[in-house]
C-alpha atoms as a PDB file:
ATOM      1  CA  MET A   1    -154.194  77.032  55.234  1.00  0.00           C
ATOM      2  CA  SER A   2    -153.798  77.973  51.562  1.00  0.00           C
ATOM      3  CA  LEU A   3    -156.763  77.882  49.190  1.00  0.00           C
ATOM      4  CA  PRO A   4    -156.863  75.227  46.450  1.00  0.00           C
ATOM      5  CA  ALA A   5    -155.079  76.253  43.276  1.00  0.00           C
ATOM      6  CA  ASN A   6    -157.149  77.221  40.237  1.00  0.00           C
ATOM      7  CA  ILE A   7    -155.482  75.511  37.266  1.00  0.00           C
ATOM      8  CA  LEU A   8    -156.619  75.360  33.643  1.00  0.00           C
ATOM      9  CA  CYS A   9    -155.354  72.490  31.483  1.00  0.00           C
ATOM     10  CA  LEU A  10    -155.288  73.163  27.742  1.00  0.00           C
ATOM     11  CA  GLY A  11    -154.650  70.137  25.555  1.00  0.00           C
ATOM     12  CA  ALA A  12    -155.657  66.591  24.764  1.00  0.00           C
ATOM     13  CA  ALA A  13    -158.633  64.639  26.088  1.00  0.00           C
ATOM     14  CA  HIS A  14    -159.503  61.505  24.140  1.00  0.00           C
ATOM     15  CA  PHE A  15    -159.807  57.722  24.355  1.00  0.00           C
ATOM     16  CA  ASP A  16    -156.891  55.302  24.199  1.00  0.00           C
ATOM     17  CA  ARG A  17    -157.616  51.843  22.815  1.00  0.00           C
ATOM     18  CA  THR A  18    -155.273  48.870  23.016  1.00  0.00           C
ATOM     19  CA  MET A  19    -155.790  45.664  21.027  1.00  0.00           C
ATOM     20  CA  GLN A  20    -153.601  42.580  20.733  1.00  0.00           C
ATOM     21  CA  CYS A  21    -153.243  40.305  17.733  1.00  0.00           C
ATOM     22  CA  LEU A  22    -154.320  36.697  18.224  1.00  0.00           C
ATOM     23  CA  ASN A  23    -151.968  35.592  15.433  1.00  0.00           C
ATOM     24  CA  PRO A  24    -148.667  37.058  14.186  1.00  0.00           C
ATOM     25  CA  PHE A  25    -149.279  40.568  12.822  1.00  0.00           C
ATOM     26  CA  VAL A  26    -149.525  40.740   9.033  1.00  0.00           C
ATOM     27  CA  PRO A  27    -149.280  44.185   7.359  1.00  0.00           C
ATOM     28  CA  ALA A  28    -151.898  45.127   4.748  1.00  0.00           C
ATOM     29  CA  ALA A  29    -154.209  42.351   5.951  1.00  0.00           C
ATOM     30  CA  SER A  30    -157.115  41.740   8.283  1.00  0.00           C
ATOM     31  CA  ASN A  31    -155.717  40.747  11.686  1.00  0.00           C
ATOM     32  CA  PRO A  32    -157.923  39.095  14.329  1.00  0.00           C
ATOM     33  CA  VAL A  33    -157.463  40.881  17.673  1.00  0.00           C
ATOM     34  CA  LYS A  34    -158.767  41.023  21.217  1.00  0.00           C
ATOM     35  CA  THR A  35    -159.443  44.347  22.901  1.00  0.00           C
ATOM     36  CA  LEU A  36    -157.371  44.754  26.066  1.00  0.00           C
ATOM     37  CA  HIS A  37    -158.767  48.086  27.185  1.00  0.00           C
ATOM     38  CA  ARG A  38    -160.426  51.318  26.162  1.00  0.00           C
ATOM     39  CA  LYS A  39    -159.920  54.207  28.555  1.00  0.00           C
ATOM     40  CA  PRO A  40    -159.768  58.011  28.629  1.00  0.00           C
ATOM     41  CA  GLY A  41    -156.361  59.503  27.885  1.00  0.00           C
ATOM     42  CA  GLY A  42    -154.549  62.575  26.624  1.00  0.00           C
ATOM     43  CA  VAL A  43    -151.811  64.485  28.432  1.00  0.00           C
ATOM     44  CA  GLY A  44    -153.959  67.468  29.376  1.00  0.00           C
ATOM     45  CA  ARG A  45    -156.748  65.228  30.603  1.00  0.00           C
ATOM     46  CA  ASN A  46    -154.380  62.973  32.579  1.00  0.00           C
ATOM     47  CA  ILE A  47    -152.850  65.973  34.343  1.00  0.00           C
ATOM     48  CA  ALA A  48    -156.271  67.514  35.011  1.00  0.00           C
ATOM     49  CA  VAL A  49    -157.615  64.344  36.632  1.00  0.00           C
ATOM     50  CA  HIS A  50    -154.712  63.996  39.068  1.00  0.00           C
ATOM     51  CA  LEU A  51    -154.875  67.722  39.873  1.00  0.00           C
ATOM     52  CA  ARG A  52    -158.530  67.284  40.772  1.00  0.00           C
ATOM     53  CA  LEU A  53    -157.780  64.209  42.886  1.00  0.00           C
ATOM     54  CA  LEU A  54    -155.228  66.358  44.747  1.00  0.00           C
ATOM     55  CA  GLY A  55    -158.000  68.826  45.585  1.00  0.00           C
ATOM     56  CA  CYS A  56    -157.307  71.571  43.040  1.00  0.00           C
ATOM     57  CA  HIS A  57    -159.974  73.560  41.238  1.00  0.00           C
ATOM     58  CA  VAL A  58    -159.408  72.426  37.658  1.00  0.00           C
ATOM     59  CA  GLY A  59    -160.700  73.377  34.233  1.00  0.00           C
ATOM     60  CA  MET A  60    -160.206  71.636  30.893  1.00  0.00           C
ATOM     61  CA  ALA A  61    -159.955  73.577  27.623  1.00  0.00           C
ATOM     62  CA  THR A  62    -160.009  71.358  24.548  1.00  0.00           C
ATOM     63  CA  ALA A  63    -162.231  70.109  21.748  1.00  0.00           C
ATOM     64  CA  VAL A  64    -164.026  66.816  21.173  1.00  0.00           C
ATOM     65  CA  GLY A  65    -166.572  65.719  18.620  1.00  0.00           C
ATOM     66  CA  GLN A  66    -170.319  65.529  18.839  1.00  0.00           C
ATOM     67  CA  ASP A  67    -170.141  61.772  19.184  1.00  0.00           C
ATOM     68  CA  GLY A  68    -170.431  59.180  21.908  1.00  0.00           C
ATOM     69  CA  ASP A  69    -166.763  59.364  22.884  1.00  0.00           C
ATOM     70  CA  GLY A  70    -166.990  63.134  23.264  1.00  0.00           C
ATOM     71  CA  ALA A  71    -170.083  62.876  25.411  1.00  0.00           C
ATOM     72  CA  GLN A  72    -168.405  60.322  27.671  1.00  0.00           C
ATOM     73  CA  ILE A  73    -165.302  62.483  28.110  1.00  0.00           C
ATOM     74  CA  VAL A  74    -167.321  65.564  29.049  1.00  0.00           C
ATOM     75  CA  GLN A  75    -169.508  63.566  31.419  1.00  0.00           C
ATOM     76  CA  ALA A  76    -166.598  61.835  33.159  1.00  0.00           C
ATOM     77  CA  LEU A  77    -164.690  65.085  33.715  1.00  0.00           C
ATOM     78  CA  SER A  78    -167.818  66.911  34.903  1.00  0.00           C
ATOM     79  CA  GLU A  79    -168.667  64.137  37.370  1.00  0.00           C
ATOM     80  CA  MET A  80    -165.214  64.582  38.897  1.00  0.00           C
ATOM     81  CA  GLY A  81    -165.879  68.270  39.428  1.00  0.00           C
ATOM     82  CA  ILE A  82    -163.642  69.457  36.583  1.00  0.00           C
ATOM     83  CA  ASP A  83    -164.924  72.626  34.902  1.00  0.00           C
ATOM     84  CA  THR A  84    -165.743  71.822  31.257  1.00  0.00           C
ATOM     85  CA  ARG A  85    -167.114  75.201  30.149  1.00  0.00           C
ATOM     86  CA  LEU A  86    -164.073  75.622  27.895  1.00  0.00           C
ATOM     87  CA  LEU A  87    -164.369  72.070  26.531  1.00  0.00           C
ATOM     88  CA  ASP A  88    -166.167  72.437  23.212  1.00  0.00           C
ATOM     89  CA  ARG A  89    -168.045  69.751  21.301  1.00  0.00           C
ATOM     90  CA  LEU A  90    -167.440  70.805  17.719  1.00  0.00           C
ATOM     91  CA  PRO A  91    -170.027  70.078  15.005  1.00  0.00           C
ATOM     92  CA  GLY A  92    -168.716  68.053  12.095  1.00  0.00           C
ATOM     93  CA  GLN A  93    -165.746  66.773  14.113  1.00  0.00           C
ATOM     94  CA  HIS A  94    -165.119  63.483  15.850  1.00  0.00           C
ATOM     95  CA  THR A  95    -163.339  62.885  19.116  1.00  0.00           C
ATOM     96  CA  PRO A  96    -159.596  62.212  18.779  1.00  0.00           C
ATOM     97  CA  GLY A  97    -158.199  58.860  19.797  1.00  0.00           C
ATOM     98  CA  TYR A  98    -155.116  56.690  19.951  1.00  0.00           C
ATOM     99  CA  THR A  99    -155.203  53.014  18.973  1.00  0.00           C
ATOM    100  CA  ALA A 100    -152.338  50.676  19.774  1.00  0.00           C
ATOM    101  CA  ILE A 101    -152.130  47.301  18.031  1.00  0.00           C
ATOM    102  CA  LEU A 102    -149.859  44.890  19.871  1.00  0.00           C
ATOM    103  CA  ASN A 103    -148.331  41.767  18.382  1.00  0.00           C
ATOM    104  CA  THR A 104    -148.713  38.396  20.071  1.00  0.00           C
ATOM    105  CA  ASP A 105    -145.689  39.119  22.298  1.00  0.00           C
ATOM    106  CA  GLY A 106    -147.237  42.340  23.565  1.00  0.00           C
ATOM    107  CA  ASP A 107    -144.931  44.697  21.646  1.00  0.00           C
ATOM    108  CA  LEU A 108    -146.341  47.531  19.555  1.00  0.00           C
ATOM    109  CA  ALA A 109    -147.018  46.453  15.987  1.00  0.00           C
ATOM    110  CA  LEU A 110    -148.890  49.565  14.901  1.00  0.00           C
ATOM    111  CA  GLY A 111    -149.878  52.816  16.576  1.00  0.00           C
ATOM    112  CA  LEU A 112    -152.611  55.039  15.149  1.00  0.00           C
ATOM    113  CA  MET A 113    -153.200  58.595  16.414  1.00  0.00           C
ATOM    114  CA  ASP A 114    -156.205  60.506  15.116  1.00  0.00           C
ATOM    115  CA  ALA A 115    -155.719  64.066  16.415  1.00  0.00           C
ATOM    116  CA  GLN A 116    -157.131  66.239  13.639  1.00  0.00           C
ATOM    117  CA  THR A 117    -159.808  67.745  15.866  1.00  0.00           C
ATOM    118  CA  TYR A 118    -157.082  69.357  17.999  1.00  0.00           C
ATOM    119  CA  ASP A 119    -156.092  71.358  14.911  1.00  0.00           C
ATOM    120  CA  CYS A 120    -159.367  73.233  15.424  1.00  0.00           C
ATOM    121  CA  LEU A 121    -157.958  74.712  18.651  1.00  0.00           C
ATOM    122  CA  THR A 122    -156.664  77.705  16.729  1.00  0.00           C
ATOM    123  CA  ILE A 123    -155.800  81.230  17.817  1.00  0.00           C
ATOM    124  CA  GLU A 124    -159.256  82.296  16.628  1.00  0.00           C
ATOM    125  CA  HIS A 125    -160.843  79.592  18.780  1.00  0.00           C
ATOM    126  CA  PHE A 126    -159.231  80.962  21.929  1.00  0.00           C
ATOM    127  CA  GLN A 127    -159.274  84.703  21.140  1.00  0.00           C
ATOM    128  CA  SER A 128    -162.957  85.018  21.929  1.00  0.00           C
ATOM    129  CA  ARG A 129    -162.399  83.046  25.134  1.00  0.00           C
ATOM    130  CA  LEU A 130    -159.402  85.011  26.455  1.00  0.00           C
ATOM    131  CA  GLU A 131    -161.416  86.652  29.229  1.00  0.00           C
ATOM    132  CA  GLN A 132    -162.524  83.200  30.429  1.00  0.00           C
ATOM    133  CA  LEU A 133    -158.972  81.869  30.202  1.00  0.00           C
ATOM    134  CA  GLN A 134    -157.669  84.732  32.306  1.00  0.00           C
ATOM    135  CA  LYS A 135    -159.981  83.803  35.194  1.00  0.00           C
ATOM    136  CA  TRP A 136    -157.663  80.872  35.941  1.00  0.00           C
ATOM    137  CA  ASN A 137    -154.566  81.435  38.108  1.00  0.00           C
ATOM    138  CA  TRP A 138    -152.381  78.889  36.305  1.00  0.00           C
ATOM    139  CA  TRP A 139    -152.276  77.532  32.762  1.00  0.00           C
ATOM    140  CA  ILE A 140    -150.873  74.158  31.742  1.00  0.00           C
ATOM    141  CA  ALA A 141    -150.711  73.703  27.969  1.00  0.00           C
ATOM    142  CA  ASP A 142    -149.677  70.548  26.142  1.00  0.00           C
ATOM    143  CA  ALA A 143    -148.183  70.271  22.675  1.00  0.00           C
ATOM    144  CA  ASN A 144    -151.249  68.634  21.182  1.00  0.00           C
ATOM    145  CA  LEU A 145    -152.288  72.229  20.510  1.00  0.00           C
ATOM    146  CA  PRO A 146    -151.046  73.787  17.243  1.00  0.00           C
ATOM    147  CA  ALA A 147    -147.708  75.640  17.428  1.00  0.00           C
ATOM    148  CA  ASP A 148    -149.342  78.967  16.516  1.00  0.00           C
ATOM    149  CA  THR A 149    -151.817  78.544  19.358  1.00  0.00           C
ATOM    150  CA  LEU A 150    -149.067  77.755  21.857  1.00  0.00           C
ATOM    151  CA  ARG A 151    -147.200  80.863  20.728  1.00  0.00           C
ATOM    152  CA  TRP A 152    -150.341  82.982  21.077  1.00  0.00           C
ATOM    153  CA  LEU A 153    -151.060  81.616  24.568  1.00  0.00           C
ATOM    154  CA  SER A 154    -147.480  82.255  25.688  1.00  0.00           C
ATOM    155  CA  ARG A 155    -147.710  85.874  24.518  1.00  0.00           C
ATOM    156  CA  ASN A 156    -151.194  86.579  25.849  1.00  0.00           C
ATOM    157  CA  LYS A 157    -150.916  85.027  29.294  1.00  0.00           C
ATOM    158  CA  GLY A 158    -150.190  88.328  31.023  1.00  0.00           C
ATOM    159  CA  SER A 159    -149.105  87.603  34.592  1.00  0.00           C
ATOM    160  CA  THR A 160    -150.592  84.083  34.550  1.00  0.00           C
ATOM    161  CA  PRO A 161    -147.885  81.410  34.957  1.00  0.00           C
ATOM    162  CA  LEU A 162    -147.780  79.151  31.895  1.00  0.00           C
ATOM    163  CA  CYS A 163    -146.411  75.626  32.198  1.00  0.00           C
ATOM    164  CA  ALA A 164    -145.392  73.784  29.031  1.00  0.00           C
ATOM    165  CA  ALA A 165    -145.866  70.031  28.519  1.00  0.00           C
ATOM    166  CA  THR A 166    -143.943  68.641  25.545  1.00  0.00           C
ATOM    167  CA  VAL A 167    -146.031  65.422  25.104  1.00  0.00           C
ATOM    168  CA  SER A 168    -143.778  63.557  22.629  1.00  0.00           C
ATOM    169  CA  PRO A 169    -140.601  64.016  20.539  1.00  0.00           C
ATOM    170  CA  SER A 170    -142.608  64.784  17.402  1.00  0.00           C
ATOM    171  CA  LYS A 171    -144.814  67.366  19.140  1.00  0.00           C
ATOM    172  CA  ALA A 172    -142.156  68.966  21.350  1.00  0.00           C
ATOM    173  CA  GLU A 173    -141.021  71.039  18.371  1.00  0.00           C
ATOM    174  CA  ARG A 174    -144.262  73.001  18.617  1.00  0.00           C
ATOM    175  CA  TRP A 175    -142.850  74.768  21.683  1.00  0.00           C
ATOM    176  CA  LYS A 176    -139.602  75.866  19.996  1.00  0.00           C
ATOM    177  CA  ASP A 177    -140.749  79.378  19.106  1.00  0.00           C
ATOM    178  CA  SER A 178    -142.425  79.936  22.482  1.00  0.00           C
ATOM    179  CA  ILE A 179    -139.921  78.483  24.895  1.00  0.00           C
ATOM    180  CA  GLY A 180    -138.662  81.879  26.048  1.00  0.00           C
ATOM    181  CA  ASP A 181    -142.176  83.017  26.986  1.00  0.00           C
ATOM    182  CA  VAL A 182    -143.183  80.145  29.277  1.00  0.00           C
ATOM    183  CA  ASP A 183    -142.654  80.176  33.030  1.00  0.00           C
ATOM    184  CA  LEU A 184    -141.976  76.485  33.473  1.00  0.00           C
ATOM    185  CA  LEU A 185    -140.977  73.696  31.102  1.00  0.00           C
ATOM    186  CA  ILE A 186    -141.272  70.052  32.095  1.00  0.00           C
ATOM    187  CA  THR A 187    -139.860  67.702  29.473  1.00  0.00           C
ATOM    188  CA  ASN A 188    -138.175  64.320  29.263  1.00  0.00           C
ATOM    189  CA  ARG A 189    -134.737  63.403  28.002  1.00  0.00           C
ATOM    190  CA  ILE A 190    -135.620  62.787  24.345  1.00  0.00           C
ATOM    191  CA  GLU A 191    -137.924  65.803  24.106  1.00  0.00           C
ATOM    192  CA  SER A 192    -135.201  68.032  25.580  1.00  0.00           C
ATOM    193  CA  GLU A 193    -132.925  66.839  22.771  1.00  0.00           C
ATOM    194  CA  VAL A 194    -135.521  67.992  20.239  1.00  0.00           C
ATOM    195  CA  LEU A 195    -135.758  71.420  21.840  1.00  0.00           C
ATOM    196  CA  THR A 196    -132.017  71.994  22.199  1.00  0.00           C
ATOM    197  CA  GLY A 197    -130.317  69.878  19.536  1.00  0.00           C
ATOM    198  CA  LEU A 198    -128.086  68.489  22.293  1.00  0.00           C
ATOM    199  CA  GLN A 199    -127.624  64.813  23.090  1.00  0.00           C
ATOM    200  CA  VAL A 200    -128.944  63.967  26.553  1.00  0.00           C
ATOM    201  CA  SER A 201    -127.822  60.606  27.929  1.00  0.00           C
ATOM    202  CA  SER A 202    -126.759  61.531  31.473  1.00  0.00           C
ATOM    203  CA  LYS A 203    -127.634  63.991  34.201  1.00  0.00           C
ATOM    204  CA  GLU A 204    -124.615  66.073  33.133  1.00  0.00           C
ATOM    205  CA  ASP A 205    -126.045  66.244  29.605  1.00  0.00           C
ATOM    206  CA  ALA A 206    -129.445  67.121  31.054  1.00  0.00           C
ATOM    207  CA  LEU A 207    -127.910  70.006  32.964  1.00  0.00           C
ATOM    208  CA  GLN A 208    -126.342  71.320  29.776  1.00  0.00           C
ATOM    209  CA  ALA A 209    -129.702  71.077  27.985  1.00  0.00           C
ATOM    210  CA  ALA A 210    -131.504  72.767  30.887  1.00  0.00           C
ATOM    211  CA  ARG A 211    -129.010  75.630  30.801  1.00  0.00           C
ATOM    212  CA  ALA A 212    -129.544  76.007  27.053  1.00  0.00           C
ATOM    213  CA  LEU A 213    -133.303  76.249  27.592  1.00  0.00           C
ATOM    214  CA  HIS A 214    -132.799  78.614  30.525  1.00  0.00           C
ATOM    215  CA  ALA A 215    -130.670  80.821  28.261  1.00  0.00           C
ATOM    216  CA  LYS A 216    -133.622  81.074  25.840  1.00  0.00           C
ATOM    217  CA  GLY A 217    -135.639  82.718  28.621  1.00  0.00           C
ATOM    218  CA  THR A 218    -137.385  79.907  30.535  1.00  0.00           C
ATOM    219  CA  PRO A 219    -136.817  80.619  34.256  1.00  0.00           C
ATOM    220  CA  SER A 220    -137.588  77.073  35.433  1.00  0.00           C
ATOM    221  CA  VAL A 221    -136.697  73.876  33.571  1.00  0.00           C
ATOM    222  CA  ILE A 222    -137.264  70.293  34.701  1.00  0.00           C
ATOM    223  CA  ILE A 223    -135.958  67.345  32.688  1.00  0.00           C
ATOM    224  CA  THR A 224    -137.257  63.951  33.754  1.00  0.00           C
ATOM    225  CA  LEU A 225    -134.838  61.062  33.237  1.00  0.00           C
ATOM    226  CA  GLY A 226    -137.133  58.110  33.900  1.00  0.00           C
ATOM    227  CA  ALA A 227    -135.662  55.653  36.373  1.00  0.00           C
ATOM    228  CA  GLN A 228    -132.584  57.872  36.817  1.00  0.00           C
ATOM    229  CA  GLY A 229    -134.490  60.731  38.424  1.00  0.00           C
ATOM    230  CA  VAL A 230    -135.105  64.408  37.696  1.00  0.00           C
ATOM    231  CA  LEU A 231    -132.819  67.329  36.815  1.00  0.00           C
ATOM    232  CA  SER A 232    -134.045  70.820  37.746  1.00  0.00           C
ATOM    233  CA  LEU A 233    -132.807  74.316  37.005  1.00  0.00           C
ATOM    234  CA  HIS A 234    -134.690  77.065  38.819  1.00  0.00           C
ATOM    235  CA  HIS A 235    -133.529  80.657  38.467  1.00  0.00           C
ATOM    236  CA  GLY A 236    -129.977  79.434  37.954  1.00  0.00           C
ATOM    237  CA  GLU A 237    -129.859  76.862  40.776  1.00  0.00           C
ATOM    238  CA  ALA A 238    -129.347  73.321  39.489  1.00  0.00           C
ATOM    239  CA  ALA A 239    -130.231  70.129  41.364  1.00  0.00           C
ATOM    240  CA  PHE A 240    -130.575  66.413  40.757  1.00  0.00           C
ATOM    241  CA  TRP A 241    -133.313  64.390  42.396  1.00  0.00           C
ATOM    242  CA  PRO A 242    -133.095  60.569  42.431  1.00  0.00           C
ATOM    243  CA  PRO A 243    -136.445  58.769  42.188  1.00  0.00           C
ATOM    244  CA  VAL A 244    -138.116  57.931  45.479  1.00  0.00           C
ATOM    245  CA  PRO A 245    -138.323  54.205  46.341  1.00  0.00           C
ATOM    246  CA  THR A 246    -140.989  52.615  44.145  1.00  0.00           C
ATOM    247  CA  ARG A 247    -142.457  49.108  43.764  1.00  0.00           C
ATOM    248  CA  LEU A 248    -142.796  49.286  39.984  1.00  0.00           C
ATOM    249  CA  VAL A 249    -146.003  47.913  38.487  1.00  0.00           C
ATOM    250  CA  ASP A 250    -146.658  50.109  35.439  1.00  0.00           C
ATOM    251  CA  ALA A 251    -144.617  53.216  34.569  1.00  0.00           C
ATOM    252  CA  ASN A 252    -147.211  54.402  32.031  1.00  0.00           C
ATOM    253  CA  GLY A 253    -148.554  57.800  33.090  1.00  0.00           C
ATOM    254  CA  ALA A 254    -145.822  58.531  35.629  1.00  0.00           C
ATOM    255  CA  GLY A 255    -144.596  61.544  33.632  1.00  0.00           C
ATOM    256  CA  ASP A 256    -148.051  63.152  33.549  1.00  0.00           C
ATOM    257  CA  ALA A 257    -148.427  62.364  37.257  1.00  0.00           C
ATOM    258  CA  PHE A 258    -145.145  64.148  38.019  1.00  0.00           C
ATOM    259  CA  PHE A 259    -146.453  67.190  36.142  1.00  0.00           C
ATOM    260  CA  ALA A 260    -149.696  67.165  38.145  1.00  0.00           C
ATOM    261  CA  GLY A 261    -148.020  66.670  41.495  1.00  0.00           C
ATOM    262  CA  PHE A 262    -145.500  69.418  40.838  1.00  0.00           C
ATOM    263  CA  SER A 263    -148.072  71.878  39.465  1.00  0.00           C
ATOM    264  CA  ALA A 264    -150.527  71.408  42.321  1.00  0.00           C
ATOM    265  CA  ALA A 265    -147.850  72.147  44.921  1.00  0.00           C
ATOM    266  CA  SER A 266    -146.232  74.957  42.959  1.00  0.00           C
ATOM    267  CA  ALA A 267    -149.530  76.735  42.314  1.00  0.00           C
ATOM    268  CA  ALA A 268    -150.538  76.464  45.968  1.00  0.00           C
ATOM    269  CA  HIS A 269    -147.107  77.532  47.286  1.00  0.00           C
ATOM    270  CA  PRO A 270    -145.349  79.435  44.467  1.00  0.00           C
ATOM    271  CA  GLY A 271    -142.202  80.095  46.492  1.00  0.00           C
ATOM    272  CA  ASP A 272    -141.387  76.474  47.373  1.00  0.00           C
ATOM    273  CA  PHE A 273    -139.943  74.935  44.201  1.00  0.00           C
ATOM    274  CA  ASP A 274    -138.249  72.056  46.037  1.00  0.00           C
ATOM    275  CA  ALA A 275    -141.445  70.959  47.781  1.00  0.00           C
ATOM    276  CA  ALA A 276    -143.198  70.965  44.410  1.00  0.00           C
ATOM    277  CA  ILE A 277    -140.576  68.657  42.901  1.00  0.00           C
ATOM    278  CA  ALA A 278    -140.843  66.354  45.915  1.00  0.00           C
ATOM    279  CA  GLN A 279    -144.621  66.117  45.444  1.00  0.00           C
ATOM    280  CA  GLY A 280    -144.158  65.486  41.714  1.00  0.00           C
ATOM    281  CA  LEU A 281    -141.777  62.628  42.431  1.00  0.00           C
ATOM    282  CA  ALA A 282    -144.183  61.240  45.029  1.00  0.00           C
ATOM    283  CA  LEU A 283    -147.193  61.199  42.702  1.00  0.00           C
ATOM    284  CA  ALA A 284    -145.107  59.729  39.868  1.00  0.00           C
ATOM    285  CA  SER A 285    -143.967  56.971  42.229  1.00  0.00           C
ATOM    286  CA  LEU A 286    -147.496  56.170  43.394  1.00  0.00           C
ATOM    287  CA  THR A 287    -148.695  56.095  39.780  1.00  0.00           C
ATOM    288  CA  ALA A 288    -145.884  53.703  38.813  1.00  0.00           C
ATOM    289  CA  GLU A 289    -147.136  51.388  41.573  1.00  0.00           C
ATOM    290  CA  THR A 290    -150.619  51.348  40.000  1.00  0.00           C
ATOM    291  CA  HIS A 291    -152.029  49.641  36.929  1.00  0.00           C
ATOM    292  CA  GLY A 292    -153.024  52.356  34.468  1.00  0.00           C
ATOM    293  CA  THR A 293    -152.289  56.068  34.371  1.00  0.00           C
ATOM    294  CA  THR A 294    -154.362  57.269  37.346  1.00  0.00           C
ATOM    295  CA  VAL A 295    -154.283  56.622  41.105  1.00  0.00           C
ATOM    296  CA  TRP A 296    -158.039  56.738  41.583  1.00  0.00           C
ATOM    297  CA  ASP A 297    -157.897  56.068  45.337  1.00  0.00           C
ATOM    298  CA  LEU A 298    -155.379  58.872  45.789  1.00  0.00           C
ATOM    299  CA  ASN A 299    -154.856  59.995  49.359  1.00  0.00           C
ATOM    300  CA  VAL A 300    -153.256  63.419  49.772  1.00  0.00           C
ATOM    301  CA  GLN A 301    -151.569  62.374  53.024  1.00  0.00           C
ATOM    302  CA  THR A 302    -150.022  59.371  51.268  1.00  0.00           C
ATOM    303  CA  VAL A 303    -148.577  61.745  48.669  1.00  0.00           C
ATOM    304  CA  LYS A 304    -147.153  63.981  51.398  1.00  0.00           C
ATOM    305  CA  ASP A 305    -145.616  61.001  53.181  1.00  0.00           C
ATOM    306  CA  ARG A 306    -144.036  59.705  49.979  1.00  0.00           C
ATOM    307  CA  ALA A 307    -142.711  63.203  49.197  1.00  0.00           C
ATOM    308  CA  LYS A 308    -140.692  63.150  52.435  1.00  0.00           C
ATOM    309  CA  GLN A 309    -138.476  60.504  50.808  1.00  0.00           C
ATOM    310  CA  ALA A 310    -137.365  62.871  48.034  1.00  0.00           C
ATOM    311  CA  VAL A 311    -133.700  63.854  48.216  1.00  0.00           C
ATOM    312  CA  LYS A 312    -132.225  66.957  46.602  1.00  0.00           C
ATOM    313  CA  GLN A 313    -128.632  66.872  45.377  1.00  0.00           C
ATOM    314  CA  THR A 314    -127.405  70.384  44.567  1.00  0.00           C
ATOM    315  CA  ILE A 315    -125.045  70.383  41.560  1.00  0.00           C
END
């Protein structure tokens, strides 16, 4: 039996808040709202939590403020058994957060992202911690980190596999100068367009984009296509994977869940790329069948059973 993977997640850990207007949204005015939920979020944090639920040894490297939100984030991760020694509470900073204001129909009226504290995760911040970083067998970094920091990580990883998470179209650009130095890139259709300048509207387009990224030096590229499935290019071998059967409840968080499922399997069994994709698809499917971004009652055997339904189509 293989030992649990040791994976360090570098990136966002904050609170997401969602409020809904009680009356039609009016710009530049006070709008009465009701709070729908307030819950932990952030790509790095979401991936770390599912990795831990899958039994991995997980660390979280990020920054929060010396405020109540920061204290709650550190406490919640620590209680799960996630190593927070590289999670710094910075004086004079406040914990990042995303606030979504929905109109009366439930559509987004206004989104507010306060991420300035992540700008403190500079090269200088991590330089003094490089020895601690190198104690982890795998790194997963998300594009909430500054571009210079991502570049520095990609060039100081040594033999440690580095997996890149693109986060969003606006932040994906931060990986552009580092893409040839990462070992694995997982991105979605729109973010792959940002990285390549190519239009991606079909699996054929996705293959072209994956080959363009592969040509820049990334040995393994995965482009997720939502309900269409997943396109993979691994050391020159291309494949398409339809989604596994899913009773859709809430697709939010499925992309981060795919990343976690794939990374856990790939770190534990580095030579079995196909099995890692199957586990990624399985965890994404289970997450899409759950309200929220996390399958808290996750059962590893259930993931394995769902992964058996994954089908590889070589192209």
